[in-house]
PDB file of N, CA and C in Angstrom:
ATOM      1  N   UNK A   1     -14.237  21.055  15.482  1.00  0.00           N
ATOM      2  CA  UNK A   1     -13.537  21.210  14.217  1.00  0.00           C
ATOM      3  C   UNK A   1     -14.389  22.025  13.255  1.00  0.00           C
ATOM      4  N   UNK A   2     -13.774  22.870  12.509  1.00  0.00           N
ATOM      5  CA  UNK A   2     -14.477  23.663  11.504  1.00  0.00           C
ATOM      6  C   UNK A   2     -14.941  22.754  10.376  1.00  0.00           C
ATOM      7  N   UNK A   3     -15.927  23.217   9.627  1.00  0.00           N
ATOM      8  CA  UNK A   3     -16.363  22.498   8.435  1.00  0.00           C
ATOM      9  C   UNK A   3     -15.274  22.683   7.383  1.00  0.00           C
ATOM     10  N   UNK A   4     -14.617  21.613   7.024  1.00  0.00           N
ATOM     11  CA  UNK A   4     -13.491  21.678   6.089  1.00  0.00           C
ATOM     12  C   UNK A   4     -13.989  21.753   4.657  1.00  0.00           C
ATOM     13  N   UNK A   5     -13.973  22.949   4.097  1.00  0.00           N
ATOM     14  CA  UNK A   5     -14.404  23.149   2.721  1.00  0.00           C
ATOM     15  C   UNK A   5     -13.374  22.628   1.719  1.00  0.00           C
ATOM     16  N   UNK A   6     -12.135  22.446   2.193  1.00  0.00           N
ATOM     17  CA  UNK A   6     -11.070  22.005   1.297  1.00  0.00           C
ATOM     18  C   UNK A   6     -11.035  20.486   1.140  1.00  0.00           C
ATOM     19  N   UNK A   7     -11.949  19.772   1.810  1.00  0.00           N
ATOM     20  CA  UNK A   7     -11.968  18.314   1.739  1.00  0.00           C
ATOM     21  C   UNK A   7     -13.272  17.815   1.119  1.00  0.00           C
ATOM     22  N   UNK A   8     -13.160  16.844   0.236  1.00  0.00           N
ATOM     23  CA  UNK A   8     -14.321  16.169  -0.340  1.00  0.00           C
ATOM     24  C   UNK A   8     -14.578  14.930   0.516  1.00  0.00           C
ATOM     25  N   UNK A   9     -15.319  15.117   1.611  1.00  0.00           N
ATOM     26  CA  UNK A   9     -15.529  14.029   2.561  1.00  0.00           C
ATOM     27  C   UNK A   9     -16.244  12.837   1.942  1.00  0.00           C
ATOM     28  N   UNK A  10     -17.190  13.081   1.047  1.00  0.00           N
ATOM     29  CA  UNK A  10     -17.885  11.969   0.394  1.00  0.00           C
ATOM     30  C   UNK A  10     -16.912  11.155  -0.459  1.00  0.00           C
ATOM     31  N   UNK A  11     -16.068  11.846  -1.197  1.00  0.00           N
ATOM     32  CA  UNK A  11     -15.071  11.170  -2.028  1.00  0.00           C
ATOM     33  C   UNK A  11     -14.057  10.409  -1.188  1.00  0.00           C
ATOM     34  N   UNK A  12     -13.620  11.032  -0.094  1.00  0.00           N
ATOM     35  CA  UNK A  12     -12.659  10.388   0.803  1.00  0.00           C
ATOM     36  C   UNK A  12     -13.285   9.145   1.424  1.00  0.00           C
ATOM     37  N   UNK A  13     -14.532   9.272   1.856  1.00  0.00           N
ATOM     38  CA  UNK A  13     -15.219   8.135   2.476  1.00  0.00           C
ATOM     39  C   UNK A  13     -15.351   6.987   1.471  1.00  0.00           C
ATOM     40  N   UNK A  14     -15.725   7.309   0.263  1.00  0.00           N
ATOM     41  CA  UNK A  14     -15.866   6.289  -0.777  1.00  0.00           C
ATOM     42  C   UNK A  14     -14.519   5.620  -1.058  1.00  0.00           C
ATOM     43  N   UNK A  15     -13.470   6.408  -1.131  1.00  0.00           N
ATOM     44  CA  UNK A  15     -12.130   5.883  -1.377  1.00  0.00           C
ATOM     45  C   UNK A  15     -11.690   4.943  -0.247  1.00  0.00           C
ATOM     46  N   UNK A  16     -11.941   5.356   0.989  1.00  0.00           N
ATOM     47  CA  UNK A  16     -11.585   4.515   2.138  1.00  0.00           C
ATOM     48  C   UNK A  16     -12.374   3.212   2.144  1.00  0.00           C
ATOM     49  N   UNK A  17     -13.650   3.282   1.812  1.00  0.00           N
ATOM     50  CA  UNK A  17     -14.475   2.068   1.766  1.00  0.00           C
ATOM     51  C   UNK A  17     -14.010   1.123   0.665  1.00  0.00           C
ATOM     52  N   UNK A  18     -13.629   1.669  -0.481  1.00  0.00           N
ATOM     53  CA  UNK A  18     -13.121   0.843  -1.578  1.00  0.00           C
ATOM     54  C   UNK A  18     -11.805   0.177  -1.190  1.00  0.00           C
ATOM     55  N   UNK A  19     -10.924   0.937  -0.547  1.00  0.00           N
ATOM     56  CA  UNK A  19      -9.649   0.357  -0.106  1.00  0.00           C
ATOM     57  C   UNK A  19      -9.891  -0.748   0.914  1.00  0.00           C
ATOM     58  N   UNK A  20     -10.827  -0.541   1.812  1.00  0.00           N
ATOM     59  CA  UNK A  20     -11.163  -1.545   2.807  1.00  0.00           C
ATOM     60  C   UNK A  20     -11.667  -2.822   2.141  1.00  0.00           C
ATOM     61  N   UNK A  21     -12.565  -2.682   1.178  1.00  0.00           N
ATOM     62  CA  UNK A  21     -13.080  -3.850   0.453  1.00  0.00           C
ATOM     63  C   UNK A  21     -11.960  -4.601  -0.257  1.00  0.00           C
ATOM     64  N   UNK A  22     -11.061  -3.858  -0.901  1.00  0.00           N
ATOM     65  CA  UNK A  22      -9.934  -4.473  -1.604  1.00  0.00           C
ATOM     66  C   UNK A  22      -9.040  -5.236  -0.645  1.00  0.00           C
ATOM     67  N   UNK A  23      -8.725  -4.625   0.497  1.00  0.00           N
ATOM     68  CA  UNK A  23      -7.869  -5.289   1.487  1.00  0.00           C
ATOM     69  C   UNK A  23      -8.518  -6.556   2.029  1.00  0.00           C
ATOM     70  N   UNK A  24      -9.826  -6.521   2.269  1.00  0.00           N
ATOM     71  CA  UNK A  24     -10.526  -7.712   2.759  1.00  0.00           C
ATOM     72  C   UNK A  24     -10.493  -8.832   1.723  1.00  0.00           C
ATOM     73  N   UNK A  25     -10.682  -8.484   0.448  1.00  0.00           N
ATOM     74  CA  UNK A  25     -10.625  -9.489  -0.620  1.00  0.00           C
ATOM     75  C   UNK A  25      -9.221 -10.072  -0.752  1.00  0.00           C
ATOM     76  N   UNK A  26      -8.202  -9.229  -0.658  1.00  0.00           N
ATOM     77  CA  UNK A  26      -6.823  -9.711  -0.733  1.00  0.00           C
ATOM     78  C   UNK A  26      -6.513 -10.627   0.444  1.00  0.00           C
ATOM     79  N   UNK A  27      -7.035 -10.292   1.607  1.00  0.00           N
ATOM     80  CA  UNK A  27      -6.812 -11.112   2.789  1.00  0.00           C
ATOM     81  C   UNK A  27      -7.437 -12.498   2.609  1.00  0.00           C
ATOM     82  N   UNK A  28      -8.637 -12.543   2.075  1.00  0.00           N
ATOM     83  CA  UNK A  28      -9.300 -13.825   1.819  1.00  0.00           C
ATOM     84  C   UNK A  28      -8.537 -14.631   0.774  1.00  0.00           C
ATOM     85  N   UNK A  29      -8.069 -13.966  -0.283  1.00  0.00           N
ATOM     86  CA  UNK A  29      -7.375 -14.653  -1.371  1.00  0.00           C
ATOM     87  C   UNK A  29      -6.040 -15.250  -0.918  1.00  0.00           C
ATOM     88  N   UNK A  30      -5.427 -14.660   0.071  1.00  0.00           N
ATOM     89  CA  UNK A  30      -4.111 -15.148   0.510  1.00  0.00           C
ATOM     90  C   UNK A  30      -4.205 -16.079   1.725  1.00  0.00           C
ATOM     91  N   UNK A  31      -5.408 -16.479   2.099  1.00  0.00           N
ATOM     92  CA  UNK A  31      -5.584 -17.328   3.281  1.00  0.00           C
ATOM     93  C   UNK A  31      -4.832 -18.654   3.151  1.00  0.00           C
ATOM     94  N   UNK A  32      -4.806 -19.238   1.957  1.00  0.00           N
ATOM     95  CA  UNK A  32      -4.111 -20.518   1.762  1.00  0.00           C
ATOM     96  C   UNK A  32      -2.614 -20.401   2.036  1.00  0.00           C
ATOM     97  N   UNK A  33      -2.029 -19.273   1.693  1.00  0.00           N
ATOM     98  CA  UNK A  33      -0.592 -19.088   1.904  1.00  0.00           C
ATOM     99  C   UNK A  33      -0.233 -19.000   3.381  1.00  0.00           C
ATOM    100  N   UNK A  34      -1.203 -18.660   4.233  1.00  0.00           N
ATOM    101  CA  UNK A  34      -0.938 -18.517   5.659  1.00  0.00           C
ATOM    102  C   UNK A  34      -1.231 -19.794   6.448  1.00  0.00           C
ATOM    103  N   UNK A  35      -1.750 -20.792   5.782  1.00  0.00           N
ATOM    104  CA  UNK A  35      -2.055 -22.047   6.458  1.00  0.00           C
ATOM    105  C   UNK A  35      -0.760 -22.730   6.896  1.00  0.00           C
ATOM    106  N   UNK A  36      -0.841 -23.585   7.940  1.00  0.00           N
ATOM    107  CA  UNK A  36       0.355 -24.315   8.390  1.00  0.00           C
ATOM    108  C   UNK A  36       0.942 -25.170   7.272  1.00  0.00           C
ATOM    109  N   UNK A  37       2.269 -25.246   7.244  1.00  0.00           N
ATOM    110  CA  UNK A  37       2.981 -26.036   6.246  1.00  0.00           C
ATOM    111  C   UNK A  37       3.007 -27.488   6.720  1.00  0.00           C
ATOM    112  N   UNK A  38       2.690 -28.397   5.801  1.00  0.00           N
ATOM    113  CA  UNK A  38       2.680 -29.828   6.124  1.00  0.00           C
ATOM    114  C   UNK A  38       4.089 -30.323   6.439  1.00  0.00           C
ATOM    115  N   UNK A  39       4.160 -31.290   7.352  1.00  0.00           N
ATOM    116  CA  UNK A  39       5.444 -31.849   7.773  1.00  0.00           C
ATOM    117  C   UNK A  39       5.858 -33.074   6.969  1.00  0.00           C
ATOM    118  N   UNK A  40       5.079 -33.477   5.996  1.00  0.00           N
ATOM    119  CA  UNK A  40       5.340 -34.691   5.230  1.00  0.00           C
ATOM    120  C   UNK A  40       6.628 -34.548   4.420  1.00  0.00           C
ATOM    121  N   UNK A  41       7.705 -35.157   4.895  1.00  0.00           N
ATOM    122  CA  UNK A  41       8.999 -35.087   4.201  1.00  0.00           C
ATOM    123  C   UNK A  41       9.021 -35.976   2.952  1.00  0.00           C
ATOM    124  N   UNK A  42       8.073 -36.887   2.827  1.00  0.00           N
ATOM    125  CA  UNK A  42       8.011 -37.775   1.666  1.00  0.00           C
ATOM    126  C   UNK A  42       7.651 -36.996   0.402  1.00  0.00           C
ATOM    127  N   UNK A  43       6.650 -36.133   0.518  1.00  0.00           N
ATOM    128  CA  UNK A  43       6.164 -35.427  -0.667  1.00  0.00           C
ATOM    129  C   UNK A  43       6.874 -34.098  -0.899  1.00  0.00           C
ATOM    130  N   UNK A  44       7.447 -33.539   0.129  1.00  0.00           N
ATOM    131  CA  UNK A  44       8.114 -32.247   0.001  1.00  0.00           C
ATOM    132  C   UNK A  44       9.504 -32.354   0.613  1.00  0.00           C
ATOM    133  N   UNK A  45      10.510 -31.987  -0.155  1.00  0.00           N
ATOM    134  CA  UNK A  45      11.871 -32.024   0.344  1.00  0.00           C
ATOM    135  C   UNK A  45      12.123 -30.920   1.364  1.00  0.00           C
ATOM    136  N   UNK A  46      13.280 -31.025   2.012  1.00  0.00           N
ATOM    137  CA  UNK A  46      13.607 -30.066   3.067  1.00  0.00           C
ATOM    138  C   UNK A  46      13.669 -28.628   2.553  1.00  0.00           C
ATOM    139  N   UNK A  47      14.305 -28.428   1.403  1.00  0.00           N
ATOM    140  CA  UNK A  47      14.412 -27.067   0.860  1.00  0.00           C
ATOM    141  C   UNK A  47      13.052 -26.547   0.408  1.00  0.00           C
ATOM    142  N   UNK A  48      12.239 -27.418  -0.171  1.00  0.00           N
ATOM    143  CA  UNK A  48      10.897 -26.997  -0.581  1.00  0.00           C
ATOM    144  C   UNK A  48      10.079 -26.601   0.639  1.00  0.00           C
ATOM    145  N   UNK A  49      10.256 -27.357   1.725  1.00  0.00           N
ATOM    146  CA  UNK A  49       9.545 -27.040   2.959  1.00  0.00           C
ATOM    147  C   UNK A  49      10.005 -25.699   3.512  1.00  0.00           C
ATOM    148  N   UNK A  50      11.312 -25.431   3.452  1.00  0.00           N
ATOM    149  CA  UNK A  50      11.830 -24.142   3.917  1.00  0.00           C
ATOM    150  C   UNK A  50      11.263 -23.009   3.068  1.00  0.00           C
ATOM    151  N   UNK A  51      11.182 -23.227   1.754  1.00  0.00           N
ATOM    152  CA  UNK A  51      10.576 -22.219   0.879  1.00  0.00           C
ATOM    153  C   UNK A  51       9.120 -21.986   1.255  1.00  0.00           C
ATOM    154  N   UNK A  52       8.399 -23.073   1.519  1.00  0.00           N
ATOM    155  CA  UNK A  52       6.988 -22.958   1.899  1.00  0.00           C
ATOM    156  C   UNK A  52       6.846 -22.193   3.218  1.00  0.00           C
ATOM    157  N   UNK A  53       7.742 -22.450   4.156  1.00  0.00           N
ATOM    158  CA  UNK A  53       7.712 -21.734   5.439  1.00  0.00           C
ATOM    159  C   UNK A  53       7.991 -20.246   5.246  1.00  0.00           C
ATOM    160  N   UNK A  54       8.912 -19.942   4.343  1.00  0.00           N
ATOM    161  CA  UNK A  54       9.227 -18.542   4.065  1.00  0.00           C
ATOM    162  C   UNK A  54       8.027 -17.839   3.420  1.00  0.00           C
ATOM    163  N   UNK A  55       7.386 -18.503   2.470  1.00  0.00           N
ATOM    164  CA  UNK A  55       6.196 -17.936   1.825  1.00  0.00           C
ATOM    165  C   UNK A  55       5.105 -17.711   2.872  1.00  0.00           C
ATOM    166  N   UNK A  56       4.940 -18.675   3.770  1.00  0.00           N
ATOM    167  CA  UNK A  56       3.937 -18.567   4.833  1.00  0.00           C
ATOM    168  C   UNK A  56       4.240 -17.371   5.736  1.00  0.00           C
ATOM    169  N   UNK A  57       5.501 -17.217   6.136  1.00  0.00           N
ATOM    170  CA  UNK A  57       5.890 -16.113   7.014  1.00  0.00           C
ATOM    171  C   UNK A  57       5.650 -14.763   6.335  1.00  0.00           C
ATOM    172  N   UNK A  58       5.988 -14.671   5.046  1.00  0.00           N
ATOM    173  CA  UNK A  58       5.771 -13.416   4.335  1.00  0.00           C
ATOM    174  C   UNK A  58       4.272 -13.135   4.201  1.00  0.00           C
ATOM    175  N   UNK A  59       3.474 -14.164   3.934  1.00  0.00           N
ATOM    176  CA  UNK A  59       2.029 -13.977   3.815  1.00  0.00           C
ATOM    177  C   UNK A  59       1.424 -13.518   5.141  1.00  0.00           C
ATOM    178  N   UNK A  60       1.934 -14.053   6.249  1.00  0.00           N
ATOM    179  CA  UNK A  60       1.441 -13.638   7.563  1.00  0.00           C
ATOM    180  C   UNK A  60       1.805 -12.179   7.845  1.00  0.00           C
ATOM    181  N   UNK A  61       3.010 -11.785   7.456  1.00  0.00           N
ATOM    182  CA  UNK A  61       3.448 -10.404   7.678  1.00  0.00           C
ATOM    183  C   UNK A  61       2.603  -9.434   6.851  1.00  0.00           C
ATOM    184  N   UNK A  62       2.327  -9.786   5.602  1.00  0.00           N
ATOM    185  CA  UNK A  62       1.497  -8.937   4.739  1.00  0.00           C
ATOM    186  C   UNK A  62       0.085  -8.844   5.319  1.00  0.00           C
ATOM    187  N   UNK A  63      -0.443  -9.966   5.796  1.00  0.00           N
ATOM    188  CA  UNK A  63      -1.794  -9.975   6.388  1.00  0.00           C
ATOM    189  C   UNK A  63      -1.839  -9.091   7.629  1.00  0.00           C
ATOM    190  N   UNK A  64      -0.785  -9.114   8.424  1.00  0.00           N
ATOM    191  CA  UNK A  64      -0.742  -8.272   9.626  1.00  0.00           C
ATOM    192  C   UNK A  64      -0.751  -6.791   9.241  1.00  0.00           C
ATOM    193  N   UNK A  65      -0.011  -6.429   8.186  1.00  0.00           N
ATOM    194  CA  UNK A  65      -0.024  -5.033   7.718  1.00  0.00           C
ATOM    195  C   UNK A  65      -1.398  -4.652   7.177  1.00  0.00           C
ATOM    196  N   UNK A  66      -2.048  -5.584   6.488  1.00  0.00           N
ATOM    197  CA  UNK A  66      -3.405  -5.316   5.996  1.00  0.00           C
ATOM    198  C   UNK A  66      -4.356  -5.048   7.156  1.00  0.00           C
ATOM    199  N   UNK A  67      -4.248  -5.834   8.212  1.00  0.00           N
ATOM    200  CA  UNK A  67      -5.133  -5.672   9.368  1.00  0.00           C
ATOM    201  C   UNK A  67      -4.926  -4.309  10.014  1.00  0.00           C
ATOM    202  N   UNK A  68      -3.673  -3.888  10.140  1.00  0.00           N
ATOM    203  CA  UNK A  68      -3.379  -2.568  10.711  1.00  0.00           C
ATOM    204  C   UNK A  68      -3.971  -1.478   9.819  1.00  0.00           C
ATOM    205  N   UNK A  69      -3.821  -1.626   8.508  1.00  0.00           N
ATOM    206  CA  UNK A  69      -4.375  -0.634   7.585  1.00  0.00           C
ATOM    207  C   UNK A  69      -5.902  -0.607   7.679  1.00  0.00           C
ATOM    208  N   UNK A  70      -6.521  -1.783   7.768  1.00  0.00           N
ATOM    209  CA  UNK A  70      -7.980  -1.850   7.910  1.00  0.00           C
ATOM    210  C   UNK A  70      -8.443  -1.151   9.188  1.00  0.00           C
ATOM    211  N   UNK A  71      -7.693  -1.298  10.250  1.00  0.00           N
ATOM    212  CA  UNK A  71      -8.041  -0.627  11.505  1.00  0.00           C
ATOM    213  C   UNK A  71      -7.944   0.883  11.355  1.00  0.00           C
ATOM    214  N   UNK A  72      -6.888   1.355  10.676  1.00  0.00           N
ATOM    215  CA  UNK A  72      -6.732   2.794  10.453  1.00  0.00           C
ATOM    216  C   UNK A  72      -7.862   3.341   9.582  1.00  0.00           C
ATOM    217  N   UNK A  73      -8.266   2.566   8.579  1.00  0.00           N
ATOM    218  CA  UNK A  73      -9.368   2.980   7.710  1.00  0.00           C
ATOM    219  C   UNK A  73     -10.662   3.048   8.510  1.00  0.00           C
ATOM    220  N   UNK A  74     -10.904   2.051   9.344  1.00  0.00           N
ATOM    221  CA  UNK A  74     -12.118   2.024  10.170  1.00  0.00           C
ATOM    222  C   UNK A  74     -12.177   3.254  11.077  1.00  0.00           C
ATOM    223  N   UNK A  75     -11.043   3.598  11.683  1.00  0.00           N
ATOM    224  CA  UNK A  75     -10.996   4.779  12.551  1.00  0.00           C
ATOM    225  C   UNK A  75     -11.233   6.067  11.761  1.00  0.00           C
ATOM    226  N   UNK A  76     -10.674   6.137  10.547  1.00  0.00           N
ATOM    227  CA  UNK A  76     -10.885   7.328   9.703  1.00  0.00           C
ATOM    228  C   UNK A  76     -12.359   7.465   9.332  1.00  0.00           C
ATOM    229  N   UNK A  77     -13.008   6.351   9.013  1.00  0.00           N
ATOM    230  CA  UNK A  77     -14.432   6.392   8.685  1.00  0.00           C
ATOM    231  C   UNK A  77     -15.265   6.829   9.897  1.00  0.00           C
ATOM    232  N   UNK A  78     -14.860   6.383  11.070  1.00  0.00           N
ATOM    233  CA  UNK A  78     -15.558   6.803  12.293  1.00  0.00           C
ATOM    234  C   UNK A  78     -15.378   8.308  12.521  1.00  0.00           C
ATOM    235  N   UNK A  79     -14.158   8.823  12.252  1.00  0.00           N
ATOM    236  CA  UNK A  79     -13.921  10.264  12.415  1.00  0.00           C
ATOM    237  C   UNK A  79     -14.762  11.072  11.432  1.00  0.00           C
ATOM    238  N   UNK A  80     -14.937  10.539  10.217  1.00  0.00           N
ATOM    239  CA  UNK A  80     -15.781  11.229   9.230  1.00  0.00           C
ATOM    240  C   UNK A  80     -17.211  11.286   9.757  1.00  0.00           C
ATOM    241  N   UNK A  81     -17.709  10.153  10.234  1.00  0.00           N
ATOM    242  CA  UNK A  81     -19.091  10.093  10.738  1.00  0.00           C
ATOM    243  C   UNK A  81     -19.313  11.012  11.945  1.00  0.00           C
ATOM    244  N   UNK A  82     -18.284  11.182  12.778  1.00  0.00           N
ATOM    245  CA  UNK A  82     -18.400  12.028  13.974  1.00  0.00           C
ATOM    246  C   UNK A  82     -18.134  13.504  13.674  1.00  0.00           C
ATOM    247  N   UNK A  83     -17.667  13.797  12.461  1.00  0.00           N
ATOM    248  CA  UNK A  83     -17.341  15.177  12.119  1.00  0.00           C
ATOM    249  C   UNK A  83     -15.982  15.607  12.627  1.00  0.00           C
ATOM    250  N   UNK A  84     -15.118  14.645  12.923  1.00  0.00           N
ATOM    251  CA  UNK A  84     -13.786  14.943  13.457  1.00  0.00           C
ATOM    252  C   UNK A  84     -12.680  14.701  12.433  1.00  0.00           C
ATOM    253  N   UNK A  85     -13.036  14.333  11.219  1.00  0.00           N
ATOM    254  CA  UNK A  85     -12.039  13.990  10.215  1.00  0.00           C
ATOM    255  C   UNK A  85     -11.240  15.224   9.801  1.00  0.00           C
ATOM    256  N   UNK A  86      -9.936  15.029   9.649  1.00  0.00           N
ATOM    257  CA  UNK A  86      -9.067  16.103   9.202  1.00  0.00           C
ATOM    258  C   UNK A  86      -8.482  16.923  10.335  1.00  0.00           C
ATOM    259  N   UNK A  87      -8.777  16.530  11.563  1.00  0.00           N
ATOM    260  CA  UNK A  87      -8.273  17.224  12.741  1.00  0.00           C
ATOM    261  C   UNK A  87      -7.215  16.329  13.401  1.00  0.00           C
ATOM    262  N   UNK A  88      -6.053  16.872  13.676  1.00  0.00           N
ATOM    263  CA  UNK A  88      -4.955  16.108  14.275  1.00  0.00           C
ATOM    264  C   UNK A  88      -5.359  15.585  15.651  1.00  0.00           C
ATOM    265  N   UNK A  89      -5.135  14.296  15.864  1.00  0.00           N
ATOM    266  CA  UNK A  89      -5.493  13.654  17.130  1.00  0.00           C
ATOM    267  C   UNK A  89      -4.578  14.094  18.272  1.00  0.00           C
ATOM    268  N   UNK A  90      -3.399  14.639  17.943  1.00  0.00           N
ATOM    269  CA  UNK A  90      -2.466  15.063  18.991  1.00  0.00           C
ATOM    270  C   UNK A  90      -2.598  16.535  19.347  1.00  0.00           C
ATOM    271  N   UNK A  91      -2.527  17.399  18.331  1.00  0.00           N
ATOM    272  CA  UNK A  91      -2.510  18.841  18.628  1.00  0.00           C
ATOM    273  C   UNK A  91      -3.848  19.528  18.375  1.00  0.00           C
ATOM    274  N   UNK A  92      -4.738  18.871  17.654  1.00  0.00           N
ATOM    275  CA  UNK A  92      -6.047  19.456  17.391  1.00  0.00           C
ATOM    276  C   UNK A  92      -6.111  20.376  16.183  1.00  0.00           C
ATOM    277  N   UNK A  93      -4.987  20.645  15.554  1.00  0.00           N
ATOM    278  CA  UNK A  93      -4.963  21.503  14.362  1.00  0.00           C
ATOM    279  C   UNK A  93      -5.470  20.727  13.147  1.00  0.00           C
ATOM    280  N   UNK A  94      -5.862  21.466  12.111  1.00  0.00           N
ATOM    281  CA  UNK A  94      -6.290  20.819  10.871  1.00  0.00           C
ATOM    282  C   UNK A  94      -5.106  20.123  10.203  1.00  0.00           C
ATOM    283  N   UNK A  95      -5.346  18.917   9.709  1.00  0.00           N
ATOM    284  CA  UNK A  95      -4.348  18.199   8.921  1.00  0.00           C
ATOM    285  C   UNK A  95      -4.441  18.747   7.501  1.00  0.00           C
ATOM    286  N   UNK A  96      -3.310  19.146   6.901  1.00  0.00           N
ATOM    287  CA  UNK A  96      -3.368  19.694   5.544  1.00  0.00           C
ATOM    288  C   UNK A  96      -4.032  18.722   4.573  1.00  0.00           C
ATOM    289  N   UNK A  97      -4.825  19.273   3.661  1.00  0.00           N
ATOM    290  CA  UNK A  97      -5.545  18.457   2.679  1.00  0.00           C
ATOM    291  C   UNK A  97      -4.586  17.613   1.843  1.00  0.00           C
ATOM    292  N   UNK A  98      -3.396  18.163   1.534  1.00  0.00           N
ATOM    293  CA  UNK A  98      -2.413  17.413   0.741  1.00  0.00           C
ATOM    294  C   UNK A  98      -1.991  16.132   1.453  1.00  0.00           C
ATOM    295  N   UNK A  99      -1.846  16.191   2.770  1.00  0.00           N
ATOM    296  CA  UNK A  99      -1.475  14.991   3.538  1.00  0.00           C
ATOM    297  C   UNK A  99      -2.602  13.967   3.484  1.00  0.00           C
ATOM    298  N   UNK A 100      -3.837  14.441   3.570  1.00  0.00           N
ATOM    299  CA  UNK A 100      -4.978  13.532   3.538  1.00  0.00           C
ATOM    300  C   UNK A 100      -5.190  12.934   2.149  1.00  0.00           C
ATOM    301  N   UNK A 101      -4.749  13.629   1.112  1.00  0.00           N
ATOM    302  CA  UNK A 101      -4.804  13.063  -0.235  1.00  0.00           C
ATOM    303  C   UNK A 101      -3.818  11.899  -0.336  1.00  0.00           C
ATOM    304  N   UNK A 102      -2.630  12.075   0.235  1.00  0.00           N
ATOM    305  CA  UNK A 102      -1.613  11.027   0.200  1.00  0.00           C
ATOM    306  C   UNK A 102      -2.044   9.830   1.039  1.00  0.00           C
ATOM    307  N   UNK A 103      -2.566  10.083   2.234  1.00  0.00           N
ATOM    308  CA  UNK A 103      -3.037   9.014   3.117  1.00  0.00           C
ATOM    309  C   UNK A 103      -4.318   9.462   3.803  1.00  0.00           C
ATOM    310  N   UNK A 104      -5.461   9.087   3.230  1.00  0.00           N
ATOM    311  CA  UNK A 104      -6.734   9.518   3.800  1.00  0.00           C
ATOM    312  C   UNK A 104      -6.987   8.995   5.217  1.00  0.00           C
ATOM    313  N   UNK A 105      -6.226   8.009   5.665  1.00  0.00           N
ATOM    314  CA  UNK A 105      -6.406   7.461   7.011  1.00  0.00           C
ATOM    315  C   UNK A 105      -5.517   8.155   8.040  1.00  0.00           C
ATOM    316  N   UNK A 106      -4.798   9.208   7.627  1.00  0.00           N
ATOM    317  CA  UNK A 106      -3.927   9.928   8.563  1.00  0.00           C
ATOM    318  C   UNK A 106      -4.740  10.510   9.704  1.00  0.00           C
ATOM    319  N   UNK A 107      -4.226  10.348  10.918  1.00  0.00           N
ATOM    320  CA  UNK A 107      -4.925  10.927  12.067  1.00  0.00           C
ATOM    321  C   UNK A 107      -4.102  11.998  12.760  1.00  0.00           C
ATOM    322  N   UNK A 108      -2.857  12.187  12.311  1.00  0.00           N
ATOM    323  CA  UNK A 108      -2.028  13.241  12.890  1.00  0.00           C
ATOM    324  C   UNK A 108      -1.390  14.067  11.777  1.00  0.00           C
ATOM    325  N   UNK A 109      -1.093  15.318  12.092  1.00  0.00           N
ATOM    326  CA  UNK A 109      -0.478  16.217  11.119  1.00  0.00           C
ATOM    327  C   UNK A 109       1.011  15.889  10.971  1.00  0.00           C
ATOM    328  N   UNK A 110       1.630  16.503   9.981  1.00  0.00           N
ATOM    329  CA  UNK A 110       3.042  16.258   9.715  1.00  0.00           C
ATOM    330  C   UNK A 110       3.905  16.690  10.900  1.00  0.00           C
ATOM    331  N   UNK A 111       3.568  17.827  11.500  1.00  0.00           N
ATOM    332  CA  UNK A 111       4.346  18.338  12.625  1.00  0.00           C
ATOM    333  C   UNK A 111       4.359  17.334  13.784  1.00  0.00           C
ATOM    334  N   UNK A 112       3.210  16.763  14.081  1.00  0.00           N
ATOM    335  CA  UNK A 112       3.126  15.800  15.189  1.00  0.00           C
ATOM    336  C   UNK A 112       3.709  14.442  14.825  1.00  0.00           C
ATOM    337  N   UNK A 113       3.768  14.136  13.541  1.00  0.00           N
ATOM    338  CA  UNK A 113       4.305  12.858  13.081  1.00  0.00           C
ATOM    339  C   UNK A 113       5.827  12.817  13.138  1.00  0.00           C
ATOM    340  N   UNK A 114       6.459  14.003  13.154  1.00  0.00           N
ATOM    341  CA  UNK A 114       7.926  14.025  13.159  1.00  0.00           C
ATOM    342  C   UNK A 114       8.483  14.183  14.542  1.00  0.00           C
TER     343      UNK A 114
END
């Protein structure tokens, strides 16, 4: 890959690391919402329990999306360290800087994404 003069790799790396830290903190903060819902019908009515189950399911889904995003960020940071950042993983062409501004963890160009 050519040396991409149109990319601020230090800034991108810092941005990705900050996003990763934020996602990890959000994941820790929402851990209680993902815990199993108690079966005690005495203290919680049936509808309240259903609401709790729904909140739990949504929290698990959000956590799963966070994990996928964290994995994409980790891979982008590895590509930066290897000098492969900004190069499409499918066709090998440069990913436009505008696409990387929108999503710094992008690993494929727009053409290959469609």
